[in-house]
Amino acid sequence: QVQLVESGGGLVQAGGSLRLSCAASKITLSILTVGWYRQPMGTQRDLVATISPSGSTNYSDSVKGRFTISRDNAKNRLYLQMNSLKSEDTAVYYCKAESPFTKREYWGQGTQVTVSS
């Protein structure tokens, strides 16, 4: 069974940093489009950043210059380095993997990030 397991969330003060990790099993992240999404309480889930099989990255305007998405193919893990965190970054962060061919999606269970001002 395919699994994506996020970790690294927590409580941090504004201006601080966190690094999220997504560990994958039964799928190979390097051949999929993978990314991070977030869902603040009571709102919709939105894109944060994605990375394609070729390594091309895409970021939402709200996190450009502060967040960095990366992938470790040897460890089959996805990361999100979050710097200069703001209170508006508070949300549940989800890891997603999508086949570029079948468009089938896989989601993790999410990890809570809370930024205190």
PDB file of N, CA and C in Angstrom:
ATOM      1  N   GLN A   1       0.839  -1.189   0.000  1.00  0.00           N
ATOM      2  CA  GLN A   1       0.000   0.000   0.000  1.00  0.00           C
ATOM      3  C   GLN A   1       0.880   1.246   0.000  1.00  0.00           C
ATOM      4  N   VAL A   2       0.555   2.172  -0.897  1.00  0.00           N
ATOM      5  CA  VAL A   2       1.308   3.426  -0.993  1.00  0.00           C
ATOM      6  C   VAL A   2       1.099   4.240   0.270  1.00  0.00           C
ATOM      7  N   GLN A   3       2.199   4.783   0.800  1.00  0.00           N
ATOM      8  CA  GLN A   3       2.105   5.647   1.975  1.00  0.00           C
ATOM      9  C   GLN A   3       2.999   6.857   1.814  1.00  0.00           C
ATOM     10  N   LEU A   4       2.456   7.991   2.220  1.00  0.00           N
ATOM     11  CA  LEU A   4       3.222   9.223   2.359  1.00  0.00           C
ATOM     12  C   LEU A   4       3.065   9.671   3.794  1.00  0.00           C
ATOM     13  N   VAL A   5       4.176   9.852   4.492  1.00  0.00           N
ATOM     14  CA  VAL A   5       4.122  10.193   5.908  1.00  0.00           C
ATOM     15  C   VAL A   5       4.918  11.470   6.143  1.00  0.00           C
ATOM     16  N   GLU A   6       4.195  12.511   6.555  1.00  0.00           N
ATOM     17  CA  GLU A   6       4.838  13.786   6.835  1.00  0.00           C
ATOM     18  C   GLU A   6       5.319  13.839   8.274  1.00  0.00           C
ATOM     19  N   SER A   7       6.357  14.638   8.489  1.00  0.00           N
ATOM     20  CA  SER A   7       6.866  14.888   9.836  1.00  0.00           C
ATOM     21  C   SER A   7       7.563  16.241   9.834  1.00  0.00           C
ATOM     22  N   GLY A   8       7.855  16.728  11.033  1.00  0.00           N
ATOM     23  CA  GLY A   8       8.607  17.969  11.151  1.00  0.00           C
ATOM     24  C   GLY A   8       7.786  19.179  11.522  1.00  0.00           C
ATOM     25  N   GLY A   9       6.478  19.029  11.587  1.00  0.00           N
ATOM     26  CA  GLY A   9       5.658  20.154  11.979  1.00  0.00           C
ATOM     27  C   GLY A   9       5.809  20.458  13.460  1.00  0.00           C
ATOM     28  N   GLY A  10       5.215  21.575  13.880  1.00  0.00           N
ATOM     29  CA  GLY A  10       5.285  21.949  15.285  1.00  0.00           C
ATOM     30  C   GLY A  10       4.941  23.400  15.486  1.00  0.00           C
ATOM     31  N   LEU A  11       5.287  23.890  16.661  1.00  0.00           N
ATOM     32  CA  LEU A  11       5.036  25.272  17.049  1.00  0.00           C
ATOM     33  C   LEU A  11       6.346  26.052  16.958  1.00  0.00           C
ATOM     34  N   VAL A  12       6.293  27.189  16.284  1.00  0.00           N
ATOM     35  CA  VAL A  12       7.490  28.013  16.123  1.00  0.00           C
ATOM     36  C   VAL A  12       7.085  29.476  16.188  1.00  0.00           C
ATOM     37  N   GLN A  13       7.985  30.317  16.636  1.00  0.00           N
ATOM     38  CA  GLN A  13       7.704  31.748  16.682  1.00  0.00           C
ATOM     39  C   GLN A  13       7.862  32.369  15.299  1.00  0.00           C
ATOM     40  N   ALA A  14       7.169  33.450  15.086  1.00  0.00           N
ATOM     41  CA  ALA A  14       7.296  34.175  13.826  1.00  0.00           C
ATOM     42  C   ALA A  14       8.760  34.541  13.595  1.00  0.00           C
ATOM     43  N   GLY A  15       9.194  34.359  12.350  1.00  0.00           N
ATOM     44  CA  GLY A  15      10.586  34.599  12.005  1.00  0.00           C
ATOM     45  C   GLY A  15      11.447  33.362  12.079  1.00  0.00           C
ATOM     46  N   GLY A  16      10.914  32.312  12.667  1.00  0.00           N
ATOM     47  CA  GLY A  16      11.661  31.076  12.821  1.00  0.00           C
ATOM     48  C   GLY A  16      11.599  30.186  11.592  1.00  0.00           C
ATOM     49  N   SER A  17      12.168  28.994  11.741  1.00  0.00           N
ATOM     50  CA  SER A  17      12.251  28.052  10.628  1.00  0.00           C
ATOM     51  C   SER A  17      11.788  26.663  11.050  1.00  0.00           C
ATOM     52  N   LEU A  18      11.299  25.930  10.067  1.00  0.00           N
ATOM     53  CA  LEU A  18      10.966  24.512  10.242  1.00  0.00           C
ATOM     54  C   LEU A  18      11.310  23.795   8.954  1.00  0.00           C
ATOM     55  N   ARG A  19      11.593  22.500   9.091  1.00  0.00           N
ATOM     56  CA  ARG A  19      11.827  21.677   7.917  1.00  0.00           C
ATOM     57  C   ARG A  19      10.870  20.492   7.957  1.00  0.00           C
ATOM     58  N   LEU A  20      10.001  20.435   6.971  1.00  0.00           N
ATOM     59  CA  LEU A  20       9.071  19.322   6.858  1.00  0.00           C
ATOM     60  C   LEU A  20       9.692  18.225   6.002  1.00  0.00           C
ATOM     61  N   SER A  21       9.320  17.006   6.339  1.00  0.00           N
ATOM     62  CA  SER A  21       9.805  15.856   5.590  1.00  0.00           C
ATOM     63  C   SER A  21       8.625  14.966   5.225  1.00  0.00           C
ATOM     64  N   CYS A  22       8.705  14.345   4.070  1.00  0.00           N
ATOM     65  CA  CYS A  22       7.681  13.411   3.611  1.00  0.00           C
ATOM     66  C   CYS A  22       8.378  12.140   3.162  1.00  0.00           C
ATOM     67  N   ALA A  23       8.116  11.072   3.882  1.00  0.00           N
ATOM     68  CA  ALA A  23       8.708   9.781   3.550  1.00  0.00           C
ATOM     69  C   ALA A  23       7.715   8.956   2.745  1.00  0.00           C
ATOM     70  N   ALA A  24       8.184   8.394   1.639  1.00  0.00           N
ATOM     71  CA  ALA A  24       7.312   7.640   0.743  1.00  0.00           C
ATOM     72  C   ALA A  24       7.659   6.161   0.759  1.00  0.00           C
ATOM     73  N   SER A  25       6.607   5.344   0.674  1.00  0.00           N
ATOM     74  CA  SER A  25       6.810   3.903   0.534  1.00  0.00           C
ATOM     75  C   SER A  25       5.886   3.373  -0.549  1.00  0.00           C
ATOM     76  N   LYS A  26       6.366   2.399  -1.277  1.00  0.00           N
ATOM     77  CA  LYS A  26       5.645   1.739  -2.368  1.00  0.00           C
ATOM     78  C   LYS A  26       5.452   2.636  -3.588  1.00  0.00           C
ATOM     79  N   ILE A  27       6.049   3.820  -3.610  1.00  0.00           N
ATOM     80  CA  ILE A  27       6.099   4.666  -4.795  1.00  0.00           C
ATOM     81  C   ILE A  27       7.466   5.312  -4.850  1.00  0.00           C
ATOM     82  N   THR A  28       7.858   5.722  -6.051  1.00  0.00           N
ATOM     83  CA  THR A  28       9.162   6.349  -6.254  1.00  0.00           C
ATOM     84  C   THR A  28       8.945   7.819  -6.564  1.00  0.00           C
ATOM     85  N   LEU A  29       9.325   8.671  -5.634  1.00  0.00           N
ATOM     86  CA  LEU A  29       9.031  10.099  -5.776  1.00  0.00           C
ATOM     87  C   LEU A  29       9.724  10.731  -6.978  1.00  0.00           C
ATOM     88  N   SER A  30      10.866  10.199  -7.366  1.00  0.00           N
ATOM     89  CA  SER A  30      11.635  10.846  -8.432  1.00  0.00           C
ATOM     90  C   SER A  30      10.935  10.806  -9.785  1.00  0.00           C
ATOM     91  N   ILE A  31       9.964   9.922  -9.969  1.00  0.00           N
ATOM     92  CA  ILE A  31       9.278   9.829 -11.255  1.00  0.00           C
ATOM     93  C   ILE A  31       7.895  10.468 -11.218  1.00  0.00           C
ATOM     94  N   LEU A  32       7.581  11.091 -10.099  1.00  0.00           N
ATOM     95  CA  LEU A  32       6.274  11.704  -9.912  1.00  0.00           C
ATOM     96  C   LEU A  32       6.412  13.208  -9.710  1.00  0.00           C
ATOM     97  N   THR A  33       5.352  13.914  -9.999  1.00  0.00           N
ATOM     98  CA  THR A  33       5.277  15.311  -9.586  1.00  0.00           C
ATOM     99  C   THR A  33       4.849  15.321  -8.131  1.00  0.00           C
ATOM    100  N   VAL A  34       5.659  15.891  -7.291  1.00  0.00           N
ATOM    101  CA  VAL A  34       5.382  15.881  -5.855  1.00  0.00           C
ATOM    102  C   VAL A  34       5.349  17.302  -5.336  1.00  0.00           C
ATOM    103  N   GLY A  35       4.653  17.473  -4.236  1.00  0.00           N
ATOM    104  CA  GLY A  35       4.554  18.822  -3.717  1.00  0.00           C
ATOM    105  C   GLY A  35       3.986  18.890  -2.322  1.00  0.00           C
ATOM    106  N   TRP A  36       3.954  20.101  -1.843  1.00  0.00           N
ATOM    107  CA  TRP A  36       3.380  20.423  -0.534  1.00  0.00           C
ATOM    108  C   TRP A  36       2.168  21.321  -0.722  1.00  0.00           C
ATOM    109  N   TYR A  37       1.149  21.019   0.030  1.00  0.00           N
ATOM    110  CA  TYR A  37      -0.069  21.813   0.072  1.00  0.00           C
ATOM    111  C   TYR A  37      -0.364  22.127   1.531  1.00  0.00           C
ATOM    112  N   ARG A  38      -1.147  23.161   1.756  1.00  0.00           N
ATOM    113  CA  ARG A  38      -1.499  23.487   3.139  1.00  0.00           C
ATOM    114  C   ARG A  38      -2.951  23.909   3.229  1.00  0.00           C
ATOM    115  N   GLN A  39      -3.501  23.674   4.420  1.00  0.00           N
ATOM    116  CA  GLN A  39      -4.908  23.977   4.653  1.00  0.00           C
ATOM    117  C   GLN A  39      -5.060  24.621   6.014  1.00  0.00           C
ATOM    118  N   PRO A  40      -5.195  25.942   6.045  1.00  0.00           N
ATOM    119  CA  PRO A  40      -5.505  26.596   7.322  1.00  0.00           C
ATOM    120  C   PRO A  40      -6.889  26.157   7.796  1.00  0.00           C
ATOM    121  N   MET A  41      -7.121  26.226   9.078  1.00  0.00           N
ATOM    122  CA  MET A  41      -8.395  25.778   9.634  1.00  0.00           C
ATOM    123  C   MET A  41      -9.554  26.536   9.000  1.00  0.00           C
ATOM    124  N   GLY A  42     -10.538  25.803   8.530  1.00  0.00           N
ATOM    125  CA  GLY A  42     -11.739  26.412   7.987  1.00  0.00           C
ATOM    126  C   GLY A  42     -11.623  26.930   6.570  1.00  0.00           C
ATOM    127  N   THR A  43     -10.511  26.659   5.916  1.00  0.00           N
ATOM    128  CA  THR A  43     -10.344  27.137   4.540  1.00  0.00           C
ATOM    129  C   THR A  43      -9.953  25.979   3.628  1.00  0.00           C
ATOM    130  N   GLN A  44      -9.795  26.289   2.360  1.00  0.00           N
ATOM    131  CA  GLN A  44      -9.474  25.247   1.391  1.00  0.00           C
ATOM    132  C   GLN A  44      -7.993  24.904   1.423  1.00  0.00           C
ATOM    133  N   ARG A  45      -7.669  23.775   0.806  1.00  0.00           N
ATOM    134  CA  ARG A  45      -6.281  23.334   0.704  1.00  0.00           C
ATOM    135  C   ARG A  45      -5.656  23.989  -0.525  1.00  0.00           C
ATOM    136  N   ASP A  46      -4.510  24.604  -0.346  1.00  0.00           N
ATOM    137  CA  ASP A  46      -3.862  25.345  -1.428  1.00  0.00           C
ATOM    138  C   ASP A  46      -2.445  24.846  -1.661  1.00  0.00           C
ATOM    139  N   LEU A  47      -1.982  25.066  -2.872  1.00  0.00           N
ATOM    140  CA  LEU A  47      -0.627  24.686  -3.240  1.00  0.00           C
ATOM    141  C   LEU A  47       0.393  25.569  -2.537  1.00  0.00           C
ATOM    142  N   VAL A  48       1.458  24.933  -2.058  1.00  0.00           N
ATOM    143  CA  VAL A  48       2.595  25.668  -1.505  1.00  0.00           C
ATOM    144  C   VAL A  48       3.762  25.618  -2.495  1.00  0.00           C
ATOM    145  N   ALA A  49       4.147  24.408  -2.875  1.00  0.00           N
ATOM    146  CA  ALA A  49       5.281  24.238  -3.786  1.00  0.00           C
ATOM    147  C   ALA A  49       5.225  22.852  -4.404  1.00  0.00           C
ATOM    148  N   THR A  50       5.729  22.752  -5.629  1.00  0.00           N
ATOM    149  CA  THR A  50       5.832  21.456  -6.296  1.00  0.00           C
ATOM    150  C   THR A  50       7.208  21.310  -6.932  1.00  0.00           C
ATOM    151  N   ILE A  51       7.576  20.055  -7.177  1.00  0.00           N
ATOM    152  CA  ILE A  51       8.806  19.761  -7.897  1.00  0.00           C
ATOM    153  C   ILE A  51       8.509  18.621  -8.857  1.00  0.00           C
ATOM    154  N   SER A  52       8.923  18.810 -10.102  1.00  0.00           N
ATOM    155  CA  SER A  52       8.627  17.831 -11.143  1.00  0.00           C
ATOM    156  C   SER A  52       9.712  16.756 -11.194  1.00  0.00           C
ATOM    157  N   PRO A  53       9.476  15.684 -11.959  1.00  0.00           N
ATOM    158  CA  PRO A  53      10.526  14.671 -12.111  1.00  0.00           C
ATOM    159  C   PRO A  53      11.840  15.245 -12.648  1.00  0.00           C
ATOM    160  N   SER A  54      11.774  16.297 -13.445  1.00  0.00           N
ATOM    161  CA  SER A  54      12.991  16.913 -13.991  1.00  0.00           C
ATOM    162  C   SER A  54      13.672  17.843 -12.991  1.00  0.00           C
ATOM    163  N   GLY A  55      12.965  18.126 -11.891  1.00  0.00           N
ATOM    164  CA  GLY A  55      13.532  19.016 -10.885  1.00  0.00           C
ATOM    165  C   GLY A  55      13.034  20.446 -10.947  1.00  0.00           C
ATOM    166  N   SER A  56      12.149  20.727 -11.877  1.00  0.00           N
ATOM    167  CA  SER A  56      11.577  22.069 -11.953  1.00  0.00           C
ATOM    168  C   SER A  56      10.690  22.316 -10.747  1.00  0.00           C
ATOM    169  N   THR A  57      10.819  23.504 -10.188  1.00  0.00           N
ATOM    170  CA  THR A  57      10.044  23.848  -8.992  1.00  0.00           C
ATOM    171  C   THR A  57       9.051  24.963  -9.283  1.00  0.00           C
ATOM    172  N   ASN A  58       8.012  24.973  -8.471  1.00  0.00           N
ATOM    173  CA  ASN A  58       6.979  25.992  -8.582  1.00  0.00           C
ATOM    174  C   ASN A  58       6.532  26.344  -7.178  1.00  0.00           C
ATOM    175  N   TYR A  59       6.373  27.640  -6.922  1.00  0.00           N
ATOM    176  CA  TYR A  59       5.989  28.095  -5.590  1.00  0.00           C
ATOM    177  C   TYR A  59       4.789  29.032  -5.664  1.00  0.00           C
ATOM    178  N   SER A  60       3.993  29.011  -4.623  1.00  0.00           N
ATOM    179  CA  SER A  60       2.956  30.021  -4.523  1.00  0.00           C
ATOM    180  C   SER A  60       3.626  31.356  -4.215  1.00  0.00           C
ATOM    181  N   ASP A  61       2.985  32.425  -4.635  1.00  0.00           N
ATOM    182  CA  ASP A  61       3.577  33.753  -4.433  1.00  0.00           C
ATOM    183  C   ASP A  61       3.805  34.050  -2.949  1.00  0.00           C
ATOM    184  N   SER A  62       2.954  33.504  -2.106  1.00  0.00           N
ATOM    185  CA  SER A  62       3.025  33.822  -0.675  1.00  0.00           C
ATOM    186  C   SER A  62       4.251  33.230   0.011  1.00  0.00           C
ATOM    187  N   VAL A  63       4.897  32.242  -0.613  1.00  0.00           N
ATOM    188  CA  VAL A  63       6.050  31.614   0.041  1.00  0.00           C
ATOM    189  C   VAL A  63       7.345  31.781  -0.738  1.00  0.00           C
ATOM    190  N   LYS A  64       7.268  32.369  -1.924  1.00  0.00           N
ATOM    191  CA  LYS A  64       8.483  32.552  -2.743  1.00  0.00           C
ATOM    192  C   LYS A  64       9.541  33.327  -1.960  1.00  0.00           C
ATOM    193  N   GLY A  65      10.757  32.824  -2.022  1.00  0.00           N
ATOM    194  CA  GLY A  65      11.857  33.475  -1.329  1.00  0.00           C
ATOM    195  C   GLY A  65      11.993  33.074   0.123  1.00  0.00           C
ATOM    196  N   ARG A  66      10.999  32.377   0.661  1.00  0.00           N
ATOM    197  CA  ARG A  66      11.052  31.948   2.069  1.00  0.00           C
ATOM    198  C   ARG A  66      11.104  30.425   2.203  1.00  0.00           C
ATOM    199  N   PHE A  67      10.404  29.730   1.314  1.00  0.00           N
ATOM    200  CA  PHE A  67      10.322  28.274   1.388  1.00  0.00           C
ATOM    201  C   PHE A  67      11.120  27.665   0.233  1.00  0.00           C
ATOM    202  N   THR A  68      11.686  26.482   0.483  1.00  0.00           N
ATOM    203  CA  THR A  68      12.417  25.761  -0.545  1.00  0.00           C
ATOM    204  C   THR A  68      11.991  24.299  -0.534  1.00  0.00           C
ATOM    205  N   ILE A  69      11.547  23.819  -1.681  1.00  0.00           N
ATOM    206  CA  ILE A  69      11.181  22.408  -1.816  1.00  0.00           C
ATOM    207  C   ILE A  69      12.375  21.654  -2.400  1.00  0.00           C
ATOM    208  N   SER A  70      12.578  20.447  -1.896  1.00  0.00           N
ATOM    209  CA  SER A  70      13.670  19.626  -2.405  1.00  0.00           C
ATOM    210  C   SER A  70      13.302  18.155  -2.277  1.00  0.00           C
ATOM    211  N   ARG A  71      14.070  17.341  -2.985  1.00  0.00           N
ATOM    212  CA  ARG A  71      13.767  15.908  -3.012  1.00  0.00           C
ATOM    213  C   ARG A  71      15.082  15.145  -2.919  1.00  0.00           C
ATOM    214  N   ASP A  72      15.106  14.124  -2.090  1.00  0.00           N
ATOM    215  CA  ASP A  72      16.268  13.231  -1.973  1.00  0.00           C
ATOM    216  C   ASP A  72      15.873  11.905  -2.604  1.00  0.00           C
ATOM    217  N   ASN A  73      16.354  11.684  -3.820  1.00  0.00           N
ATOM    218  CA  ASN A  73      15.938  10.476  -4.542  1.00  0.00           C
ATOM    219  C   ASN A  73      16.461   9.203  -3.877  1.00  0.00           C
ATOM    220  N   ALA A  74      17.644   9.271  -3.302  1.00  0.00           N
ATOM    221  CA  ALA A  74      18.211   8.089  -2.659  1.00  0.00           C
ATOM    222  C   ALA A  74      17.388   7.663  -1.441  1.00  0.00           C
ATOM    223  N   LYS A  75      16.888   8.651  -0.719  1.00  0.00           N
ATOM    224  CA  LYS A  75      16.094   8.354   0.474  1.00  0.00           C
ATOM    225  C   LYS A  75      14.602   8.288   0.167  1.00  0.00           C
ATOM    226  N   ASN A  76      14.237   8.654  -1.066  1.00  0.00           N
ATOM    227  CA  ASN A  76      12.821   8.671  -1.459  1.00  0.00           C
ATOM    228  C   ASN A  76      12.015   9.563  -0.513  1.00  0.00           C
ATOM    229  N   ARG A  77      12.538  10.754  -0.296  1.00  0.00           N
ATOM    230  CA  ARG A  77      11.909  11.715   0.602  1.00  0.00           C
ATOM    231  C   ARG A  77      11.764  13.072  -0.067  1.00  0.00           C
ATOM    232  N   LEU A  78      10.757  13.777   0.375  1.00  0.00           N
ATOM    233  CA  LEU A  78      10.486  15.143  -0.060  1.00  0.00           C
ATOM    234  C   LEU A  78      10.616  16.040   1.157  1.00  0.00           C
ATOM    235  N   TYR A  79      11.147  17.250   0.918  1.00  0.00           N
ATOM    236  CA  TYR A  79      11.353  18.181   2.025  1.00  0.00           C
ATOM    237  C   TYR A  79      10.758  19.547   1.688  1.00  0.00           C
ATOM    238  N   LEU A  80      10.477  20.285   2.745  1.00  0.00           N
ATOM    239  CA  LEU A  80      10.090  21.682   2.598  1.00  0.00           C
ATOM    240  C   LEU A  80      10.795  22.461   3.694  1.00  0.00           C
ATOM    241  N   GLN A  81      11.782  23.256   3.305  1.00  0.00           N
ATOM    242  CA  GLN A  81      12.467  24.136   4.243  1.00  0.00           C
ATOM    243  C   GLN A  81      11.698  25.446   4.302  1.00  0.00           C
ATOM    244  N   MET A  82      11.248  25.793   5.492  1.00  0.00           N
ATOM    245  CA  MET A  82      10.429  26.989   5.671  1.00  0.00           C
ATOM    246  C   MET A  82      11.175  27.962   6.563  1.00  0.00           C
ATOM    247  N   ASN A  83      11.518  29.115   6.012  1.00  0.00           N
ATOM    248  CA  ASN A  83      12.221  30.151   6.754  1.00  0.00           C
ATOM    249  C   ASN A  83      11.350  31.402   6.872  1.00  0.00           C
ATOM    250  N   SER A  84      11.729  32.267   7.769  1.00  0.00           N
ATOM    251  CA  SER A  84      11.003  33.537   7.965  1.00  0.00           C
ATOM    252  C   SER A  84       9.502  33.286   8.083  1.00  0.00           C
ATOM    253  N   LEU A  85       9.149  32.357   8.923  1.00  0.00           N
ATOM    254  CA  LEU A  85       7.746  31.971   9.043  1.00  0.00           C
ATOM    255  C   LEU A  85       6.900  33.106   9.600  1.00  0.00           C
ATOM    256  N   LYS A  86       5.674  33.160   9.101  1.00  0.00           N
ATOM    257  CA  LYS A  86       4.707  34.175   9.501  1.00  0.00           C
ATOM    258  C   LYS A  86       3.489  33.482  10.097  1.00  0.00           C
ATOM    259  N   SER A  87       2.708  34.233  10.838  1.00  0.00           N
ATOM    260  CA  SER A  87       1.511  33.645  11.456  1.00  0.00           C
ATOM    261  C   SER A  87       0.557  33.097  10.388  1.00  0.00           C
ATOM    262  N   GLU A  88       0.545  33.738   9.237  1.00  0.00           N
ATOM    263  CA  GLU A  88      -0.351  33.277   8.169  1.00  0.00           C
ATOM    264  C   GLU A  88       0.107  31.974   7.526  1.00  0.00           C
ATOM    265  N   ASP A  89       1.278  31.482   7.893  1.00  0.00           N
ATOM    266  CA  ASP A  89       1.732  30.168   7.427  1.00  0.00           C
ATOM    267  C   ASP A  89       1.142  29.030   8.270  1.00  0.00           C
ATOM    268  N   THR A  90       0.459  29.373   9.334  1.00  0.00           N
ATOM    269  CA  THR A  90      -0.162  28.358  10.189  1.00  0.00           C
ATOM    270  C   THR A  90      -1.181  27.553   9.398  1.00  0.00           C
ATOM    271  N   ALA A  91      -1.010  26.245   9.402  1.00  0.00           N
ATOM    272  CA  ALA A  91      -1.892  25.369   8.625  1.00  0.00           C
ATOM    273  C   ALA A  91      -1.472  23.924   8.842  1.00  0.00           C
ATOM    274  N   VAL A  92      -2.304  23.015   8.353  1.00  0.00           N
ATOM    275  CA  VAL A  92      -1.886  21.622   8.219  1.00  0.00           C
ATOM    276  C   VAL A  92      -1.223  21.489   6.847  1.00  0.00           C
ATOM    277  N   TYR A  93      -0.036  20.947   6.836  1.00  0.00           N
ATOM    278  CA  TYR A  93       0.734  20.799   5.601  1.00  0.00           C
ATOM    279  C   TYR A  93       0.675  19.347   5.141  1.00  0.00           C
ATOM    280  N   TYR A  94       0.358  19.178   3.864  1.00  0.00           N
ATOM    281  CA  TYR A  94       0.205  17.854   3.273  1.00  0.00           C
ATOM    282  C   TYR A  94       1.216  17.633   2.157  1.00  0.00           C
ATOM    283  N   CYS A  95       1.689  16.423   2.080  1.00  0.00           N
ATOM    284  CA  CYS A  95       2.547  15.978   0.998  1.00  0.00           C
ATOM    285  C   CYS A  95       1.661  15.282  -0.051  1.00  0.00           C
ATOM    286  N   LYS A  96       1.922  15.570  -1.309  1.00  0.00           N
ATOM    287  CA  LYS A  96       1.137  14.962  -2.387  1.00  0.00           C
ATOM    288  C   LYS A  96       2.069  14.459  -3.487  1.00  0.00           C
ATOM    289  N   ALA A  97       1.721  13.307  -4.025  1.00  0.00           N
ATOM    290  CA  ALA A  97       2.446  12.772  -5.182  1.00  0.00           C
ATOM    291  C   ALA A  97       1.437  12.476  -6.283  1.00  0.00           C
ATOM    292  N   GLU A  98       1.797  12.800  -7.516  1.00  0.00           N
ATOM    293  CA  GLU A  98       0.878  12.616  -8.641  1.00  0.00           C
ATOM    294  C   GLU A  98       1.625  12.030  -9.826  1.00  0.00           C
ATOM    295  N   SER A  99       1.043  10.993 -10.393  1.00  0.00           N
ATOM    296  CA  SER A  99       1.637  10.428 -11.598  1.00  0.00           C
ATOM    297  C   SER A  99       1.414  11.380 -12.772  1.00  0.00           C
ATOM    298  N   PRO A 100       2.491  11.747 -13.499  1.00  0.00           N
ATOM    299  CA  PRO A 100       2.308  12.619 -14.667  1.00  0.00           C
ATOM    300  C   PRO A 100       1.584  11.916 -15.806  1.00  0.00           C
ATOM    301  N   PHE A 101       1.439  10.598 -15.726  1.00  0.00           N
ATOM    302  CA  PHE A 101       0.810   9.844 -16.808  1.00  0.00           C
ATOM    303  C   PHE A 101      -0.653   9.541 -16.499  1.00  0.00           C
ATOM    304  N   THR A 102      -0.926   8.987 -15.335  1.00  0.00           N
ATOM    305  CA  THR A 102      -2.291   8.589 -14.979  1.00  0.00           C
ATOM    306  C   THR A 102      -3.036   9.669 -14.203  1.00  0.00           C
ATOM    307  N   LYS A 103      -2.311  10.664 -13.682  1.00  0.00           N
ATOM    308  CA  LYS A 103      -2.874  11.737 -12.843  1.00  0.00           C
ATOM    309  C   LYS A 103      -3.396  11.198 -11.508  1.00  0.00           C
ATOM    310  N   ARG A 104      -3.088   9.969 -11.185  1.00  0.00           N
ATOM    311  CA  ARG A 104      -3.515   9.445  -9.877  1.00  0.00           C
ATOM    312  C   ARG A 104      -2.766  10.188  -8.773  1.00  0.00           C
ATOM    313  N   GLU A 105      -3.487  10.517  -7.705  1.00  0.00           N
ATOM    314  CA  GLU A 105      -2.932  11.300  -6.616  1.00  0.00           C
ATOM    315  C   GLU A 105      -2.806  10.474  -5.341  1.00  0.00           C
ATOM    316  N   TYR A 106      -1.767  10.755  -4.595  1.00  0.00           N
ATOM    317  CA  TYR A 106      -1.558  10.159  -3.285  1.00  0.00           C
ATOM    318  C   TYR A 106      -1.290  11.293  -2.301  1.00  0.00           C
ATOM    319  N   TRP A 107      -1.910  11.187  -1.127  1.00  0.00           N
ATOM    320  CA  TRP A 107      -1.776  12.225  -0.119  1.00  0.00           C
ATOM    321  C   TRP A 107      -1.291  11.630   1.193  1.00  0.00           C
ATOM    322  N   GLY A 108      -0.529  12.438   1.927  1.00  0.00           N
ATOM    323  CA  GLY A 108      -0.183  12.070   3.278  1.00  0.00           C
ATOM    324  C   GLY A 108      -1.281  12.493   4.235  1.00  0.00           C
ATOM    325  N   GLN A 109      -1.053  12.227   5.519  1.00  0.00           N
ATOM    326  CA  GLN A 109      -2.077  12.507   6.529  1.00  0.00           C
ATOM    327  C   GLN A 109      -1.985  13.932   7.067  1.00  0.00           C
ATOM    328  N   GLY A 110      -0.884  14.619   6.753  1.00  0.00           N
ATOM    329  CA  GLY A 110      -0.733  16.006   7.163  1.00  0.00           C
ATOM    330  C   GLY A 110       0.054  16.178   8.452  1.00  0.00           C
ATOM    331  N   THR A 111       0.685  17.338   8.558  1.00  0.00           N
ATOM    332  CA  THR A 111       1.401  17.693   9.786  1.00  0.00           C
ATOM    333  C   THR A 111       1.100  19.155  10.101  1.00  0.00           C
ATOM    334  N   GLN A 112       0.815  19.428  11.359  1.00  0.00           N
ATOM    335  CA  GLN A 112       0.399  20.767  11.775  1.00  0.00           C
ATOM    336  C   GLN A 112       1.611  21.675  11.957  1.00  0.00           C
ATOM    337  N   VAL A 113       1.521  22.846  11.376  1.00  0.00           N
ATOM    338  CA  VAL A 113       2.511  23.905  11.592  1.00  0.00           C
ATOM    339  C   VAL A 113       1.785  25.088  12.197  1.00  0.00           C
ATOM    340  N   THR A 114       2.258  25.535  13.342  1.00  0.00           N
ATOM    341  CA  THR A 114       1.656  26.676  14.026  1.00  0.00           C
ATOM    342  C   THR A 114       2.739  27.714  14.268  1.00  0.00           C
ATOM    343  N   VAL A 115       2.486  28.918  13.759  1.00  0.00           N
ATOM    344  CA  VAL A 115       3.447  30.010  13.905  1.00  0.00           C
ATOM    345  C   VAL A 115       2.825  31.047  14.840  1.00  0.00           C
ATOM    346  N   SER A 116       3.463  31.293  15.949  1.00  0.00           N
ATOM    347  CA  SER A 116       2.953  32.254  16.921  1.00  0.00           C
ATOM    348  C   SER A 116       3.580  33.623  16.661  1.00  0.00           C
ATOM    349  N   SER A 117       2.740  34.622  16.783  1.00  0.00           N
ATOM    350  CA  SER A 117       3.224  35.990  16.519  1.00  0.00           C
ATOM    351  C   SER A 117       3.647  36.678  17.809  1.00  0.00           C
TER     352      SER A 117
END
